[in-house]
Amino acid sequence: MTKQNLEKLLKQAGFEKHAGGRHDIWTKSGFPPIPVPRHKGDIPKGTLNSILKAAKLEH
């Protein structure tokens, strides 16, 4: 999954994007801050699964 597609999912789930150093930080009340790396191409599978699990968006 690309970063753009992941960001769409997070926005639809009600998360807000905040700028960080090498990562964007996504926040939502009741959830820990979720760092999303900034890089081109697909997000590595393990990283993607960790992000989806933290956001309770497992597929």
N, C-alpha and C. Protein backbone atom coordinates (compact mmCIF):
# COMPACT_ATOMS: atom_id res chain seq x y z
N MET A 1 0.84 -1.17 0.00
CA MET A 1 0.00 0.00 0.00
C MET A 1 0.89 1.24 0.00
N THR A 2 0.50 2.23 -0.75
CA THR A 2 1.28 3.46 -0.81
C THR A 2 0.93 4.36 0.38
N LYS A 3 1.79 5.32 0.64
CA LYS A 3 1.56 6.27 1.72
C LYS A 3 0.28 7.05 1.47
N GLN A 4 0.03 7.41 0.22
CA GLN A 4 -1.18 8.17 -0.11
C GLN A 4 -2.45 7.38 0.22
N ASN A 5 -2.47 6.10 -0.10
CA ASN A 5 -3.64 5.27 0.20
C ASN A 5 -3.83 5.11 1.70
N LEU A 6 -2.73 4.93 2.42
CA LEU A 6 -2.79 4.81 3.87
C LEU A 6 -3.33 6.10 4.49
N GLU A 7 -2.87 7.24 3.99
CA GLU A 7 -3.33 8.52 4.51
C GLU A 7 -4.83 8.69 4.29
N LYS A 8 -5.34 8.23 3.15
CA LYS A 8 -6.79 8.29 2.88
C LYS A 8 -7.55 7.49 3.94
N LEU A 9 -7.06 6.27 4.23
CA LEU A 9 -7.71 5.43 5.23
C LEU A 9 -7.72 6.09 6.60
N LEU A 10 -6.57 6.66 6.98
CA LEU A 10 -6.48 7.30 8.29
C LEU A 10 -7.40 8.52 8.38
N LYS A 11 -7.47 9.32 7.32
CA LYS A 11 -8.36 10.48 7.30
C LYS A 11 -9.82 10.04 7.42
N GLN A 12 -10.19 9.01 6.68
CA GLN A 12 -11.57 8.51 6.72
C GLN A 12 -11.93 7.99 8.11
N ALA A 13 -10.92 7.49 8.84
CA ALA A 13 -11.16 6.97 10.19
C ALA A 13 -11.14 8.07 11.25
N GLY A 14 -10.90 9.32 10.83
CA GLY A 14 -10.96 10.44 11.76
C GLY A 14 -9.64 10.88 12.36
N PHE A 15 -8.53 10.37 11.84
CA PHE A 15 -7.22 10.77 12.33
C PHE A 15 -6.79 12.09 11.70
N GLU A 16 -5.97 12.86 12.42
CA GLU A 16 -5.45 14.13 11.93
C GLU A 16 -3.94 14.02 11.76
N LYS A 17 -3.43 14.62 10.70
CA LYS A 17 -2.01 14.57 10.36
C LYS A 17 -1.27 15.76 10.97
N HIS A 18 -0.11 15.46 11.58
CA HIS A 18 0.76 16.49 12.13
C HIS A 18 2.17 16.23 11.60
N ALA A 19 2.87 17.30 11.27
CA ALA A 19 4.22 17.16 10.73
C ALA A 19 5.19 16.77 11.83
N GLY A 20 6.08 15.85 11.51
CA GLY A 20 7.14 15.44 12.42
C GLY A 20 8.46 15.56 11.70
N GLY A 21 9.50 14.93 12.20
CA GLY A 21 10.80 14.97 11.56
C GLY A 21 10.82 14.15 10.28
N ARG A 22 11.08 12.86 10.41
CA ARG A 22 11.10 11.97 9.25
C ARG A 22 9.77 11.23 9.07
N HIS A 23 8.86 11.45 10.01
CA HIS A 23 7.56 10.80 9.95
C HIS A 23 6.46 11.84 10.13
N ASP A 24 5.29 11.54 9.60
CA ASP A 24 4.10 12.32 9.91
C ASP A 24 3.45 11.61 11.09
N ILE A 25 2.91 12.38 12.01
CA ILE A 25 2.27 11.81 13.19
C ILE A 25 0.76 11.98 13.04
N TRP A 26 0.05 10.87 13.13
CA TRP A 26 -1.40 10.88 13.01
C TRP A 26 -2.00 10.69 14.39
N THR A 27 -2.95 11.55 14.75
CA THR A 27 -3.54 11.48 16.08
C THR A 27 -5.06 11.44 16.01
N LYS A 28 -5.62 10.82 17.05
CA LYS A 28 -7.07 10.76 17.23
C LYS A 28 -7.31 10.49 18.71
N SER A 29 -8.28 11.14 19.27
CA SER A 29 -8.59 10.95 20.68
C SER A 29 -8.83 9.47 20.99
N GLY A 30 -8.21 9.00 22.05
CA GLY A 30 -8.37 7.61 22.45
C GLY A 30 -7.38 6.64 21.82
N PHE A 31 -6.49 7.15 20.97
CA PHE A 31 -5.48 6.32 20.30
C PHE A 31 -4.10 6.90 20.58
N PRO A 32 -3.08 6.05 20.64
CA PRO A 32 -1.71 6.59 20.76
C PRO A 32 -1.33 7.27 19.44
N PRO A 33 -0.38 8.21 19.48
CA PRO A 33 0.09 8.83 18.22
C PRO A 33 0.67 7.75 17.29
N ILE A 34 0.35 7.85 16.01
CA ILE A 34 0.79 6.84 15.04
C ILE A 34 1.75 7.49 14.05
N PRO A 35 3.04 7.11 14.11
CA PRO A 35 4.00 7.66 13.14
C PRO A 35 3.89 6.93 11.80
N VAL A 36 3.89 7.70 10.71
CA VAL A 36 3.86 7.14 9.36
C VAL A 36 5.08 7.68 8.62
N PRO A 37 5.98 6.79 8.16
CA PRO A 37 7.20 7.24 7.50
C PRO A 37 6.91 7.97 6.19
N ARG A 38 7.77 8.93 5.89
CA ARG A 38 7.66 9.68 4.62
C ARG A 38 8.66 9.08 3.64
N HIS A 39 8.19 8.30 2.71
CA HIS A 39 9.05 7.81 1.63
C HIS A 39 8.19 7.42 0.45
N LYS A 40 8.81 7.34 -0.69
CA LYS A 40 8.08 7.01 -1.91
C LYS A 40 7.90 5.50 -2.01
N GLY A 41 6.93 5.12 -2.79
CA GLY A 41 6.69 3.69 -3.01
C GLY A 41 5.81 3.10 -1.92
N ASP A 42 5.77 1.79 -1.91
CA ASP A 42 4.94 1.08 -0.94
C ASP A 42 5.57 1.09 0.45
N ILE A 43 4.71 1.12 1.45
CA ILE A 43 5.16 1.01 2.84
C ILE A 43 5.43 -0.47 3.10
N PRO A 44 6.56 -0.81 3.72
CA PRO A 44 6.84 -2.22 3.99
C PRO A 44 5.70 -2.90 4.75
N LYS A 45 5.47 -4.16 4.42
CA LYS A 45 4.32 -4.91 4.94
C LYS A 45 4.25 -4.89 6.48
N GLY A 46 5.37 -5.12 7.14
CA GLY A 46 5.37 -5.15 8.61
C GLY A 46 5.02 -3.79 9.21
N THR A 47 5.56 -2.73 8.61
CA THR A 47 5.28 -1.37 9.06
C THR A 47 3.80 -1.05 8.85
N LEU A 48 3.29 -1.41 7.69
CA LEU A 48 1.89 -1.17 7.37
C LEU A 48 0.98 -1.90 8.36
N ASN A 49 1.28 -3.15 8.63
CA ASN A 49 0.46 -3.93 9.56
C ASN A 49 0.47 -3.31 10.96
N SER A 50 1.62 -2.81 11.40
CA SER A 50 1.72 -2.17 12.72
C SER A 50 0.87 -0.89 12.77
N ILE A 51 0.91 -0.11 11.70
CA ILE A 51 0.13 1.13 11.64
C ILE A 51 -1.36 0.80 11.66
N LEU A 52 -1.78 -0.16 10.83
CA LEU A 52 -3.19 -0.52 10.77
C LEU A 52 -3.68 -1.08 12.11
N LYS A 53 -2.85 -1.87 12.77
CA LYS A 53 -3.21 -2.43 14.07
C LYS A 53 -3.37 -1.32 15.10
N ALA A 54 -2.44 -0.37 15.13
CA ALA A 54 -2.51 0.73 16.10
C ALA A 54 -3.75 1.58 15.87
N ALA A 55 -4.16 1.72 14.60
CA ALA A 55 -5.34 2.53 14.25
C ALA A 55 -6.62 1.70 14.30
N LYS A 56 -6.50 0.42 14.64
CA LYS A 56 -7.64 -0.51 14.67
C LYS A 56 -8.34 -0.56 13.31
N LEU A 57 -7.51 -0.62 12.25
CA LEU A 57 -8.02 -0.70 10.87
C LEU A 57 -7.52 -1.97 10.19
N GLU A 58 -7.26 -3.00 10.96
CA GLU A 58 -6.72 -4.23 10.38
C GLU A 58 -7.62 -4.75 9.28
N HIS A 59 -6.98 -5.23 8.22
CA HIS A 59 -7.76 -5.75 7.10
C HIS A 59 -7.56 -7.24 6.95
